[in-house]
PDB file of N, CA and C in Angstrom:
ATOM      1  N   UNK A   1      42.467 -34.367 -53.238  1.00  0.00           N
ATOM      2  CA  UNK A   1      41.297 -35.069 -53.733  1.00  0.00           C
ATOM      3  C   UNK A   1      41.525 -36.576 -53.608  1.00  0.00           C
ATOM      4  N   UNK A   2      40.463 -37.289 -53.320  1.00  0.00           N
ATOM      5  CA  UNK A   2      40.544 -38.733 -53.173  1.00  0.00           C
ATOM      6  C   UNK A   2      40.676 -39.407 -54.532  1.00  0.00           C
ATOM      7  N   UNK A   3      41.350 -40.545 -54.535  1.00  0.00           N
ATOM      8  CA  UNK A   3      41.441 -41.402 -55.720  1.00  0.00           C
ATOM      9  C   UNK A   3      40.517 -42.586 -55.476  1.00  0.00           C
ATOM     10  N   UNK A   4      39.578 -42.798 -56.398  1.00  0.00           N
ATOM     11  CA  UNK A   4      38.537 -43.787 -56.200  1.00  0.00           C
ATOM     12  C   UNK A   4      38.515 -44.822 -57.315  1.00  0.00           C
ATOM     13  N   UNK A   5      37.998 -46.011 -56.970  1.00  0.00           N
ATOM     14  CA  UNK A   5      37.773 -47.088 -57.925  1.00  0.00           C
ATOM     15  C   UNK A   5      36.380 -47.629 -57.667  1.00  0.00           C
ATOM     16  N   UNK A   6      35.497 -47.569 -58.672  1.00  0.00           N
ATOM     17  CA  UNK A   6      34.154 -48.114 -58.483  1.00  0.00           C
ATOM     18  C   UNK A   6      34.124 -49.572 -58.903  1.00  0.00           C
ATOM     19  N   UNK A   7      33.463 -50.375 -58.077  1.00  0.00           N
ATOM     20  CA  UNK A   7      33.324 -51.810 -58.295  1.00  0.00           C
ATOM     21  C   UNK A   7      32.475 -52.058 -59.552  1.00  0.00           C
ATOM     22  N   UNK A   8      32.527 -53.294 -60.038  1.00  0.00           N
ATOM     23  CA  UNK A   8      31.868 -53.645 -61.300  1.00  0.00           C
ATOM     24  C   UNK A   8      30.374 -53.332 -61.316  1.00  0.00           C
ATOM     25  N   UNK A   9      29.685 -53.595 -60.234  1.00  0.00           N
ATOM     26  CA  UNK A   9      28.235 -53.387 -60.212  1.00  0.00           C
ATOM     27  C   UNK A   9      27.821 -52.106 -59.504  1.00  0.00           C
ATOM     28  N   UNK A  10      28.773 -51.182 -59.351  1.00  0.00           N
ATOM     29  CA  UNK A  10      28.447 -49.920 -58.690  1.00  0.00           C
ATOM     30  C   UNK A  10      27.520 -49.107 -59.592  1.00  0.00           C
ATOM     31  N   UNK A  11      26.538 -48.463 -59.001  1.00  0.00           N
ATOM     32  CA  UNK A  11      25.513 -47.725 -59.738  1.00  0.00           C
ATOM     33  C   UNK A  11      26.120 -46.643 -60.634  1.00  0.00           C
ATOM     34  N   UNK A  12      25.924 -46.806 -61.935  1.00  0.00           N
ATOM     35  CA  UNK A  12      26.451 -45.842 -62.905  1.00  0.00           C
ATOM     36  C   UNK A  12      25.843 -44.467 -62.767  1.00  0.00           C
ATOM     37  N   UNK A  13      24.600 -44.372 -62.282  1.00  0.00           N
ATOM     38  CA  UNK A  13      23.981 -43.059 -62.073  1.00  0.00           C
ATOM     39  C   UNK A  13      24.731 -42.275 -61.001  1.00  0.00           C
ATOM     40  N   UNK A  14      25.220 -42.973 -59.994  1.00  0.00           N
ATOM     41  CA  UNK A  14      26.004 -42.302 -58.949  1.00  0.00           C
ATOM     42  C   UNK A  14      27.325 -41.809 -59.540  1.00  0.00           C
ATOM     43  N   UNK A  15      27.973 -42.649 -60.319  1.00  0.00           N
ATOM     44  CA  UNK A  15      29.244 -42.254 -60.958  1.00  0.00           C
ATOM     45  C   UNK A  15      29.027 -41.034 -61.848  1.00  0.00           C
ATOM     46  N   UNK A  16      27.998 -41.075 -62.685  1.00  0.00           N
ATOM     47  CA  UNK A  16      27.724 -39.927 -63.568  1.00  0.00           C
ATOM     48  C   UNK A  16      27.416 -38.666 -62.776  1.00  0.00           C
ATOM     49  N   UNK A  17      26.635 -38.819 -61.697  1.00  0.00           N
ATOM     50  CA  UNK A  17      26.304 -37.665 -60.854  1.00  0.00           C
ATOM     51  C   UNK A  17      27.531 -37.075 -60.175  1.00  0.00           C
ATOM     52  N   UNK A  18      28.447 -37.933 -59.752  1.00  0.00           N
ATOM     53  CA  UNK A  18      29.686 -37.442 -59.145  1.00  0.00           C
ATOM     54  C   UNK A  18      30.499 -36.643 -60.158  1.00  0.00           C
ATOM     55  N   UNK A  19      30.582 -37.148 -61.391  1.00  0.00           N
ATOM     56  CA  UNK A  19      31.333 -36.422 -62.420  1.00  0.00           C
ATOM     57  C   UNK A  19      30.641 -35.123 -62.826  1.00  0.00           C
ATOM     58  N   UNK A  20      29.314 -35.080 -62.764  1.00  0.00           N
ATOM     59  CA  UNK A  20      28.619 -33.823 -63.039  1.00  0.00           C
ATOM     60  C   UNK A  20      28.941 -32.777 -61.982  1.00  0.00           C
ATOM     61  N   UNK A  21      29.058 -33.219 -60.735  1.00  0.00           N
ATOM     62  CA  UNK A  21      29.401 -32.302 -59.638  1.00  0.00           C
ATOM     63  C   UNK A  21      30.871 -31.906 -59.670  1.00  0.00           C
ATOM     64  N   UNK A  22      31.720 -32.883 -60.018  1.00  0.00           N
ATOM     65  CA  UNK A  22      33.167 -32.647 -60.000  1.00  0.00           C
ATOM     66  C   UNK A  22      33.797 -33.269 -61.249  1.00  0.00           C
ATOM     67  N   UNK A  23      33.827 -32.530 -62.348  1.00  0.00           N
ATOM     68  CA  UNK A  23      34.361 -33.087 -63.596  1.00  0.00           C
ATOM     69  C   UNK A  23      35.804 -33.576 -63.490  1.00  0.00           C
ATOM     70  N   UNK A  24      36.579 -33.053 -62.556  1.00  0.00           N
ATOM     71  CA  UNK A  24      37.977 -33.467 -62.412  1.00  0.00           C
ATOM     72  C   UNK A  24      38.148 -34.577 -61.368  1.00  0.00           C
ATOM     73  N   UNK A  25      37.046 -35.207 -60.965  1.00  0.00           N
ATOM     74  CA  UNK A  25      37.080 -36.272 -59.978  1.00  0.00           C
ATOM     75  C   UNK A  25      38.023 -37.386 -60.421  1.00  0.00           C
ATOM     76  N   UNK A  26      38.831 -37.877 -59.497  1.00  0.00           N
ATOM     77  CA  UNK A  26      39.798 -38.935 -59.785  1.00  0.00           C
ATOM     78  C   UNK A  26      39.144 -40.289 -59.482  1.00  0.00           C
ATOM     79  N   UNK A  27      38.307 -40.736 -60.402  1.00  0.00           N
ATOM     80  CA  UNK A  27      37.566 -41.983 -60.238  1.00  0.00           C
ATOM     81  C   UNK A  27      37.682 -42.795 -61.514  1.00  0.00           C
ATOM     82  N   UNK A  28      38.033 -44.069 -61.359  1.00  0.00           N
ATOM     83  CA  UNK A  28      38.017 -44.999 -62.489  1.00  0.00           C
ATOM     84  C   UNK A  28      37.118 -46.174 -62.109  1.00  0.00           C
ATOM     85  N   UNK A  29      36.577 -46.817 -63.128  1.00  0.00           N
ATOM     86  CA  UNK A  29      35.751 -48.000 -62.916  1.00  0.00           C
ATOM     87  C   UNK A  29      36.601 -49.247 -63.135  1.00  0.00           C
ATOM     88  N   UNK A  30      36.247 -50.343 -62.489  1.00  0.00           N
ATOM     89  CA  UNK A  30      37.014 -51.569 -62.699  1.00  0.00           C
ATOM     90  C   UNK A  30      37.025 -51.942 -64.181  1.00  0.00           C
ATOM     91  N   UNK A  31      35.949 -51.609 -64.891  1.00  0.00           N
ATOM     92  CA  UNK A  31      35.884 -51.895 -66.321  1.00  0.00           C
ATOM     93  C   UNK A  31      36.941 -51.103 -67.097  1.00  0.00           C
ATOM     94  N   UNK A  32      37.298 -49.929 -66.608  1.00  0.00           N
ATOM     95  CA  UNK A  32      38.282 -49.070 -67.287  1.00  0.00           C
ATOM     96  C   UNK A  32      39.700 -49.610 -67.163  1.00  0.00           C
ATOM     97  N   UNK A  33      39.949 -50.423 -66.144  1.00  0.00           N
ATOM     98  CA  UNK A  33      41.311 -50.898 -65.884  1.00  0.00           C
ATOM     99  C   UNK A  33      41.437 -52.416 -66.033  1.00  0.00           C
ATOM    100  N   UNK A  34      40.458 -53.033 -66.699  1.00  0.00           N
ATOM    101  CA  UNK A  34      40.542 -54.459 -67.007  1.00  0.00           C
ATOM    102  C   UNK A  34      40.295 -55.385 -65.841  1.00  0.00           C
ATOM    103  N   UNK A  35      39.544 -54.931 -64.839  1.00  0.00           N
ATOM    104  CA  UNK A  35      39.291 -55.767 -63.669  1.00  0.00           C
ATOM    105  C   UNK A  35      37.876 -56.335 -63.618  1.00  0.00           C
ATOM    106  N   UNK A  36      37.120 -56.181 -64.706  1.00  0.00           N
ATOM    107  CA  UNK A  36      35.773 -56.736 -64.677  1.00  0.00           C
ATOM    108  C   UNK A  36      35.857 -58.252 -64.568  1.00  0.00           C
ATOM    109  N   UNK A  37      34.961 -58.805 -63.832  1.00  0.00           N
ATOM    110  CA  UNK A  37      34.860 -60.257 -63.622  1.00  0.00           C
ATOM    111  C   UNK A  37      36.017 -60.861 -62.837  1.00  0.00           C
ATOM    112  N   UNK A  38      36.788 -60.054 -62.102  1.00  0.00           N
ATOM    113  CA  UNK A  38      37.807 -60.626 -61.215  1.00  0.00           C
ATOM    114  C   UNK A  38      37.250 -60.616 -59.793  1.00  0.00           C
ATOM    115  N   UNK A  39      37.838 -61.382 -58.920  1.00  0.00           N
ATOM    116  CA  UNK A  39      37.359 -61.497 -57.552  1.00  0.00           C
ATOM    117  C   UNK A  39      37.651 -60.272 -56.698  1.00  0.00           C
ATOM    118  N   UNK A  40      36.908 -60.174 -55.616  1.00  0.00           N
ATOM    119  CA  UNK A  40      37.076 -59.051 -54.687  1.00  0.00           C
ATOM    120  C   UNK A  40      38.506 -58.903 -54.171  1.00  0.00           C
ATOM    121  N   UNK A  41      39.193 -59.997 -53.791  1.00  0.00           N
ATOM    122  CA  UNK A  41      40.570 -59.829 -53.304  1.00  0.00           C
ATOM    123  C   UNK A  41      41.489 -59.186 -54.347  1.00  0.00           C
ATOM    124  N   UNK A  42      41.287 -59.524 -55.614  1.00  0.00           N
ATOM    125  CA  UNK A  42      42.107 -58.931 -56.680  1.00  0.00           C
ATOM    126  C   UNK A  42      41.797 -57.454 -56.873  1.00  0.00           C
ATOM    127  N   UNK A  43      40.533 -57.097 -56.751  1.00  0.00           N
ATOM    128  CA  UNK A  43      40.142 -55.687 -56.862  1.00  0.00           C
ATOM    129  C   UNK A  43      40.760 -54.892 -55.716  1.00  0.00           C
ATOM    130  N   UNK A  44      40.664 -55.422 -54.503  1.00  0.00           N
ATOM    131  CA  UNK A  44      41.245 -54.728 -53.350  1.00  0.00           C
ATOM    132  C   UNK A  44      42.764 -54.628 -53.464  1.00  0.00           C
ATOM    133  N   UNK A  45      43.403 -55.669 -53.988  1.00  0.00           N
ATOM    134  CA  UNK A  45      44.864 -55.636 -54.161  1.00  0.00           C
ATOM    135  C   UNK A  45      45.251 -54.580 -55.196  1.00  0.00           C
ATOM    136  N   UNK A  46      44.531 -54.535 -56.312  1.00  0.00           N
ATOM    137  CA  UNK A  46      44.832 -53.535 -57.341  1.00  0.00           C
ATOM    138  C   UNK A  46      44.619 -52.129 -56.774  1.00  0.00           C
ATOM    139  N   UNK A  47      43.508 -51.943 -56.058  1.00  0.00           N
ATOM    140  CA  UNK A  47      43.215 -50.636 -55.469  1.00  0.00           C
ATOM    141  C   UNK A  47      44.310 -50.233 -54.483  1.00  0.00           C
ATOM    142  N   UNK A  48      44.802 -51.180 -53.703  1.00  0.00           N
ATOM    143  CA  UNK A  48      45.875 -50.894 -52.746  1.00  0.00           C
ATOM    144  C   UNK A  48      47.150 -50.497 -53.484  1.00  0.00           C
ATOM    145  N   UNK A  49      47.491 -51.256 -54.524  1.00  0.00           N
ATOM    146  CA  UNK A  49      48.702 -50.958 -55.300  1.00  0.00           C
ATOM    147  C   UNK A  49      48.628 -49.594 -55.969  1.00  0.00           C
ATOM    148  N   UNK A  50      47.409 -49.161 -56.300  1.00  0.00           N
ATOM    149  CA  UNK A  50      47.215 -47.899 -57.005  1.00  0.00           C
ATOM    150  C   UNK A  50      46.648 -46.801 -56.120  1.00  0.00           C
ATOM    151  N   UNK A  51      46.635 -47.063 -54.818  1.00  0.00           N
ATOM    152  CA  UNK A  51      46.181 -46.095 -53.815  1.00  0.00           C
ATOM    153  C   UNK A  51      44.814 -45.513 -54.152  1.00  0.00           C
ATOM    154  N   UNK A  52      43.855 -46.412 -54.364  1.00  0.00           N
ATOM    155  CA  UNK A  52      42.482 -46.011 -54.682  1.00  0.00           C
ATOM    156  C   UNK A  52      41.513 -46.610 -53.669  1.00  0.00           C
ATOM    157  N   UNK A  53      40.595 -45.798 -53.207  1.00  0.00           N
ATOM    158  CA  UNK A  53      39.527 -46.233 -52.317  1.00  0.00           C
ATOM    159  C   UNK A  53      38.455 -46.887 -53.185  1.00  0.00           C
ATOM    160  N   UNK A  54      37.992 -48.053 -52.767  1.00  0.00           N
ATOM    161  CA  UNK A  54      36.993 -48.790 -53.538  1.00  0.00           C
ATOM    162  C   UNK A  54      35.582 -48.360 -53.128  1.00  0.00           C
ATOM    163  N   UNK A  55      34.751 -48.103 -54.136  1.00  0.00           N
ATOM    164  CA  UNK A  55      33.325 -47.844 -53.939  1.00  0.00           C
ATOM    165  C   UNK A  55      32.567 -49.101 -54.328  1.00  0.00           C
ATOM    166  N   UNK A  56      31.711 -49.595 -53.453  1.00  0.00           N
ATOM    167  CA  UNK A  56      30.976 -50.824 -53.742  1.00  0.00           C
ATOM    168  C   UNK A  56      29.591 -50.782 -53.119  1.00  0.00           C
ATOM    169  N   UNK A  57      28.698 -51.604 -53.675  1.00  0.00           N
ATOM    170  CA  UNK A  57      27.397 -51.867 -53.052  1.00  0.00           C
ATOM    171  C   UNK A  57      27.410 -53.243 -52.392  1.00  0.00           C
ATOM    172  N   UNK A  58      28.469 -53.992 -52.582  1.00  0.00           N
ATOM    173  CA  UNK A  58      28.585 -55.380 -52.128  1.00  0.00           C
ATOM    174  C   UNK A  58      28.831 -55.450 -50.629  1.00  0.00           C
ATOM    175  N   UNK A  59      27.758 -55.625 -49.868  1.00  0.00           N
ATOM    176  CA  UNK A  59      27.873 -55.755 -48.410  1.00  0.00           C
ATOM    177  C   UNK A  59      28.132 -57.191 -48.003  1.00  0.00           C
ATOM    178  N   UNK A  60      27.949 -58.126 -48.940  1.00  0.00           N
ATOM    179  CA  UNK A  60      28.023 -59.546 -48.604  1.00  0.00           C
ATOM    180  C   UNK A  60      29.454 -60.060 -48.510  1.00  0.00           C
ATOM    181  N   UNK A  61      30.304 -59.705 -49.471  1.00  0.00           N
ATOM    182  CA  UNK A  61      31.646 -60.299 -49.493  1.00  0.00           C
ATOM    183  C   UNK A  61      32.787 -59.292 -49.442  1.00  0.00           C
ATOM    184  N   UNK A  62      32.635 -58.153 -50.082  1.00  0.00           N
ATOM    185  CA  UNK A  62      33.745 -57.199 -50.174  1.00  0.00           C
ATOM    186  C   UNK A  62      34.253 -56.751 -48.798  1.00  0.00           C
ATOM    187  N   UNK A  63      33.382 -56.405 -47.838  1.00  0.00           N
ATOM    188  CA  UNK A  63      33.906 -56.010 -46.519  1.00  0.00           C
ATOM    189  C   UNK A  63      34.712 -57.105 -45.839  1.00  0.00           C
ATOM    190  N   UNK A  64      34.291 -58.357 -45.992  1.00  0.00           N
ATOM    191  CA  UNK A  64      35.041 -59.453 -45.367  1.00  0.00           C
ATOM    192  C   UNK A  64      36.470 -59.517 -45.894  1.00  0.00           C
ATOM    193  N   UNK A  65      36.619 -59.365 -47.208  1.00  0.00           N
ATOM    194  CA  UNK A  65      37.963 -59.387 -47.791  1.00  0.00           C
ATOM    195  C   UNK A  65      38.763 -58.158 -47.357  1.00  0.00           C
ATOM    196  N   UNK A  66      38.078 -57.027 -47.213  1.00  0.00           N
ATOM    197  CA  UNK A  66      38.759 -55.811 -46.750  1.00  0.00           C
ATOM    198  C   UNK A  66      39.242 -55.987 -45.312  1.00  0.00           C
ATOM    199  N   UNK A  67      38.376 -56.525 -44.446  1.00  0.00           N
ATOM    200  CA  UNK A  67      38.776 -56.750 -43.058  1.00  0.00           C
ATOM    201  C   UNK A  67      39.915 -57.764 -42.972  1.00  0.00           C
ATOM    202  N   UNK A  68      39.897 -58.740 -43.863  1.00  0.00           N
ATOM    203  CA  UNK A  68      40.988 -59.722 -43.903  1.00  0.00           C
ATOM    204  C   UNK A  68      42.313 -59.028 -44.202  1.00  0.00           C
ATOM    205  N   UNK A  69      42.298 -58.079 -45.144  1.00  0.00           N
ATOM    206  CA  UNK A  69      43.509 -57.312 -45.452  1.00  0.00           C
ATOM    207  C   UNK A  69      43.949 -56.496 -44.237  1.00  0.00           C
ATOM    208  N   UNK A  70      42.990 -55.904 -43.546  1.00  0.00           N
ATOM    209  CA  UNK A  70      43.312 -55.090 -42.376  1.00  0.00           C
ATOM    210  C   UNK A  70      43.963 -55.942 -41.294  1.00  0.00           C
ATOM    211  N   UNK A  71      43.391 -57.104 -41.022  1.00  0.00           N
ATOM    212  CA  UNK A  71      43.934 -58.000 -40.001  1.00  0.00           C
ATOM    213  C   UNK A  71      45.351 -58.435 -40.346  1.00  0.00           C
ATOM    214  N   UNK A  72      45.600 -58.677 -41.627  1.00  0.00           N
ATOM    215  CA  UNK A  72      46.925 -59.101 -42.077  1.00  0.00           C
ATOM    216  C   UNK A  72      47.899 -57.932 -42.190  1.00  0.00           C
ATOM    217  N   UNK A  73      47.402 -56.726 -41.878  1.00  0.00           N
ATOM    218  CA  UNK A  73      48.203 -55.501 -41.990  1.00  0.00           C
ATOM    219  C   UNK A  73      48.683 -55.256 -43.415  1.00  0.00           C
ATOM    220  N   UNK A  74      47.886 -55.709 -44.364  1.00  0.00           N
ATOM    221  CA  UNK A  74      48.163 -55.449 -45.783  1.00  0.00           C
ATOM    222  C   UNK A  74      47.721 -54.033 -46.126  1.00  0.00           C
ATOM    223  N   UNK A  75      48.306 -53.498 -47.139  1.00  0.00           N
ATOM    224  CA  UNK A  75      47.931 -52.157 -47.583  1.00  0.00           C
ATOM    225  C   UNK A  75      46.500 -52.181 -48.095  1.00  0.00           C
ATOM    226  N   UNK A  76      45.731 -51.183 -47.692  1.00  0.00           N
ATOM    227  CA  UNK A  76      44.383 -51.004 -48.203  1.00  0.00           C
ATOM    228  C   UNK A  76      44.055 -49.522 -48.136  1.00  0.00           C
ATOM    229  N   UNK A  77      43.733 -48.940 -49.271  1.00  0.00           N
ATOM    230  CA  UNK A  77      43.466 -47.502 -49.330  1.00  0.00           C
ATOM    231  C   UNK A  77      42.132 -47.133 -48.701  1.00  0.00           C
ATOM    232  N   UNK A  78      41.232 -48.101 -48.564  1.00  0.00           N
ATOM    233  CA  UNK A  78      39.928 -47.850 -47.970  1.00  0.00           C
ATOM    234  C   UNK A  78      38.824 -48.489 -48.790  1.00  0.00           C
ATOM    235  N   UNK A  79      37.675 -48.652 -48.150  1.00  0.00           N
ATOM    236  CA  UNK A  79      36.504 -49.229 -48.795  1.00  0.00           C
ATOM    237  C   UNK A  79      35.283 -48.461 -48.334  1.00  0.00           C
ATOM    238  N   UNK A  80      34.505 -47.949 -49.293  1.00  0.00           N
ATOM    239  CA  UNK A  80      33.236 -47.295 -48.992  1.00  0.00           C
ATOM    240  C   UNK A  80      32.128 -48.212 -49.482  1.00  0.00           C
ATOM    241  N   UNK A  81      31.317 -48.692 -48.548  1.00  0.00           N
ATOM    242  CA  UNK A  81      30.206 -49.588 -48.872  1.00  0.00           C
ATOM    243  C   UNK A  81      28.929 -48.754 -48.866  1.00  0.00           C
ATOM    244  N   UNK A  82      28.373 -48.526 -50.037  1.00  0.00           N
ATOM    245  CA  UNK A  82      27.201 -47.675 -50.188  1.00  0.00           C
ATOM    246  C   UNK A  82      25.969 -48.564 -50.298  1.00  0.00           C
ATOM    247  N   UNK A  83      25.011 -48.351 -49.415  1.00  0.00           N
ATOM    248  CA  UNK A  83      23.778 -49.129 -49.441  1.00  0.00           C
ATOM    249  C   UNK A  83      23.091 -48.930 -50.791  1.00  0.00           C
ATOM    250  N   UNK A  84      22.752 -50.035 -51.455  1.00  0.00           N
ATOM    251  CA  UNK A  84      22.150 -49.928 -52.787  1.00  0.00           C
ATOM    252  C   UNK A  84      20.705 -49.442 -52.752  1.00  0.00           C
ATOM    253  N   UNK A  85      20.135 -49.341 -51.566  1.00  0.00           N
ATOM    254  CA  UNK A  85      18.780 -48.785 -51.427  1.00  0.00           C
ATOM    255  C   UNK A  85      18.800 -47.289 -51.142  1.00  0.00           C
ATOM    256  N   UNK A  86      19.973 -46.759 -50.974  1.00  0.00           N
ATOM    257  CA  UNK A  86      20.148 -45.335 -50.697  1.00  0.00           C
ATOM    258  C   UNK A  86      19.776 -44.547 -51.956  1.00  0.00           C
ATOM    259  N   UNK A  87      19.000 -43.476 -51.819  1.00  0.00           N
ATOM    260  CA  UNK A  87      18.681 -42.674 -53.003  1.00  0.00           C
ATOM    261  C   UNK A  87      19.956 -42.168 -53.684  1.00  0.00           C
ATOM    262  N   UNK A  88      19.925 -42.156 -55.007  1.00  0.00           N
ATOM    263  CA  UNK A  88      21.097 -41.761 -55.794  1.00  0.00           C
ATOM    264  C   UNK A  88      21.584 -40.377 -55.382  1.00  0.00           C
ATOM    265  N   UNK A  89      20.681 -39.434 -55.258  1.00  0.00           N
ATOM    266  CA  UNK A  89      21.066 -38.062 -54.895  1.00  0.00           C
ATOM    267  C   UNK A  89      21.767 -38.031 -53.534  1.00  0.00           C
ATOM    268  N   UNK A  90      21.265 -38.792 -52.577  1.00  0.00           N
ATOM    269  CA  UNK A  90      21.894 -38.839 -51.247  1.00  0.00           C
ATOM    270  C   UNK A  90      23.294 -39.443 -51.336  1.00  0.00           C
ATOM    271  N   UNK A  91      23.441 -40.500 -52.120  1.00  0.00           N
ATOM    272  CA  UNK A  91      24.765 -41.113 -52.284  1.00  0.00           C
ATOM    273  C   UNK A  91      25.743 -40.123 -52.897  1.00  0.00           C
ATOM    274  N   UNK A  92      25.304 -39.394 -53.901  1.00  0.00           N
ATOM    275  CA  UNK A  92      26.152 -38.388 -54.542  1.00  0.00           C
ATOM    276  C   UNK A  92      26.514 -37.296 -53.541  1.00  0.00           C
ATOM    277  N   UNK A  93      25.530 -36.831 -52.787  1.00  0.00           N
ATOM    278  CA  UNK A  93      25.783 -35.784 -51.789  1.00  0.00           C
ATOM    279  C   UNK A  93      26.809 -36.237 -50.752  1.00  0.00           C
ATOM    280  N   UNK A  94      26.633 -37.435 -50.215  1.00  0.00           N
ATOM    281  CA  UNK A  94      27.532 -37.900 -49.157  1.00  0.00           C
ATOM    282  C   UNK A  94      28.930 -38.181 -49.691  1.00  0.00           C
ATOM    283  N   UNK A  95      29.023 -38.777 -50.877  1.00  0.00           N
ATOM    284  CA  UNK A  95      30.347 -39.025 -51.448  1.00  0.00           C
ATOM    285  C   UNK A  95      31.049 -37.729 -51.813  1.00  0.00           C
ATOM    286  N   UNK A  96      30.296 -36.758 -52.330  1.00  0.00           N
ATOM    287  CA  UNK A  96      30.888 -35.452 -52.652  1.00  0.00           C
ATOM    288  C   UNK A  96      31.426 -34.789 -51.394  1.00  0.00           C
ATOM    289  N   UNK A  97      30.678 -34.856 -50.314  1.00  0.00           N
ATOM    290  CA  UNK A  97      31.127 -34.289 -49.037  1.00  0.00           C
ATOM    291  C   UNK A  97      32.423 -34.943 -48.575  1.00  0.00           C
ATOM    292  N   UNK A  98      32.481 -36.261 -48.662  1.00  0.00           N
ATOM    293  CA  UNK A  98      33.686 -36.981 -48.246  1.00  0.00           C
ATOM    294  C   UNK A  98      34.874 -36.609 -49.120  1.00  0.00           C
ATOM    295  N   UNK A  99      34.655 -36.551 -50.431  1.00  0.00           N
ATOM    296  CA  UNK A  99      35.738 -36.200 -51.362  1.00  0.00           C
ATOM    297  C   UNK A  99      36.237 -34.786 -51.089  1.00  0.00           C
ATOM    298  N   UNK A 100      35.307 -33.867 -50.845  1.00  0.00           N
ATOM    299  CA  UNK A 100      35.677 -32.464 -50.635  1.00  0.00           C
ATOM    300  C   UNK A 100      36.322 -32.194 -49.276  1.00  0.00           C
ATOM    301  N   UNK A 101      35.969 -32.975 -48.276  1.00  0.00           N
ATOM    302  CA  UNK A 101      36.345 -32.621 -46.910  1.00  0.00           C
ATOM    303  C   UNK A 101      37.300 -33.598 -46.230  1.00  0.00           C
ATOM    304  N   UNK A 102      37.889 -34.497 -46.990  1.00  0.00           N
ATOM    305  CA  UNK A 102      38.817 -35.434 -46.356  1.00  0.00           C
ATOM    306  C   UNK A 102      40.025 -35.663 -47.247  1.00  0.00           C
ATOM    307  N   UNK A 103      40.999 -36.337 -46.668  1.00  0.00           N
ATOM    308  CA  UNK A 103      42.236 -36.653 -47.388  1.00  0.00           C
ATOM    309  C   UNK A 103      42.344 -38.165 -47.552  1.00  0.00           C
ATOM    310  N   UNK A 104      43.048 -38.557 -48.579  1.00  0.00           N
ATOM    311  CA  UNK A 104      43.235 -39.971 -48.899  1.00  0.00           C
ATOM    312  C   UNK A 104      43.751 -40.759 -47.692  1.00  0.00           C
ATOM    313  N   UNK A 105      44.687 -40.184 -46.987  1.00  0.00           N
ATOM    314  CA  UNK A 105      45.326 -40.895 -45.870  1.00  0.00           C
ATOM    315  C   UNK A 105      44.370 -41.171 -44.704  1.00  0.00           C
ATOM    316  N   UNK A 106      43.276 -40.436 -44.626  1.00  0.00           N
ATOM    317  CA  UNK A 106      42.315 -40.648 -43.545  1.00  0.00           C
ATOM    318  C   UNK A 106      41.585 -41.982 -43.664  1.00  0.00           C
ATOM    319  N   UNK A 107      41.562 -42.563 -44.844  1.00  0.00           N
ATOM    320  CA  UNK A 107      40.749 -43.750 -45.093  1.00  0.00           C
ATOM    321  C   UNK A 107      41.560 -45.043 -45.188  1.00  0.00           C
ATOM    322  N   UNK A 108      42.866 -44.956 -45.002  1.00  0.00           N
ATOM    323  CA  UNK A 108      43.707 -46.142 -45.077  1.00  0.00           C
ATOM    324  C   UNK A 108      43.239 -47.164 -44.037  1.00  0.00           C
ATOM    325  N   UNK A 109      43.091 -48.410 -44.483  1.00  0.00           N
ATOM    326  CA  UNK A 109      42.637 -49.525 -43.633  1.00  0.00           C
ATOM    327  C   UNK A 109      41.307 -49.233 -42.944  1.00  0.00           C
ATOM    328  N   UNK A 110      40.401 -48.568 -43.671  1.00  0.00           N
ATOM    329  CA  UNK A 110      39.100 -48.210 -43.119  1.00  0.00           C
ATOM    330  C   UNK A 110      37.990 -48.740 -44.033  1.00  0.00           C
ATOM    331  N   UNK A 111      36.955 -49.270 -43.402  1.00  0.00           N
ATOM    332  CA  UNK A 111      35.739 -49.650 -44.116  1.00  0.00           C
ATOM    333  C   UNK A 111      34.641 -48.722 -43.612  1.00  0.00           C
ATOM    334  N   UNK A 112      34.061 -47.952 -44.538  1.00  0.00           N
ATOM    335  CA  UNK A 112      33.028 -46.986 -44.198  1.00  0.00           C
ATOM    336  C   UNK A 112      31.723 -47.409 -44.848  1.00  0.00           C
ATOM    337  N   UNK A 113      30.668 -47.437 -44.050  1.00  0.00           N
ATOM    338  CA  UNK A 113      29.340 -47.768 -44.586  1.00  0.00           C
ATOM    339  C   UNK A 113      28.532 -46.492 -44.739  1.00  0.00           C
ATOM    340  N   UNK A 114      27.919 -46.328 -45.898  1.00  0.00           N
ATOM    341  CA  UNK A 114      27.043 -45.186 -46.150  1.00  0.00           C
ATOM    342  C   UNK A 114      25.622 -45.693 -46.337  1.00  0.00           C
ATOM    343  N   UNK A 115      24.596 -44.997 -45.845  1.00  0.00           N
ATOM    344  CA  UNK A 115      24.643 -43.610 -45.419  1.00  0.00           C
ATOM    345  C   UNK A 115      25.359 -43.424 -44.081  1.00  0.00           C
ATOM    346  N   UNK A 116      25.834 -42.183 -43.930  1.00  0.00           N
ATOM    347  CA  UNK A 116      26.550 -41.838 -42.701  1.00  0.00           C
ATOM    348  C   UNK A 116      25.630 -41.899 -41.506  1.00  0.00           C
TER     349      UNK A 116
END
């Protein structure tokens, strides 16, 4: 199962829907680990140190910092950028599919944009 970290402004309805589908889902929110109001590079560094793929709606800055880590060959567990206009049910469906059908190691140094 994937280990995930949801960004500060990630849609809570998606998080709740994921937990309804998979109560044992390994997902924490930045608020749960004291990372609220910290910058994107710090979130990505914490996620890398804790081997967690970041879930975000931030298409403006988060991918740039992720690509910067990739170029520097820094550890990065992965980044899933979910379009904030995507219907909640579709986001839950696609994330559930990814969680069920992939391994953590497949997403290392990868930035994935959803919808697929």
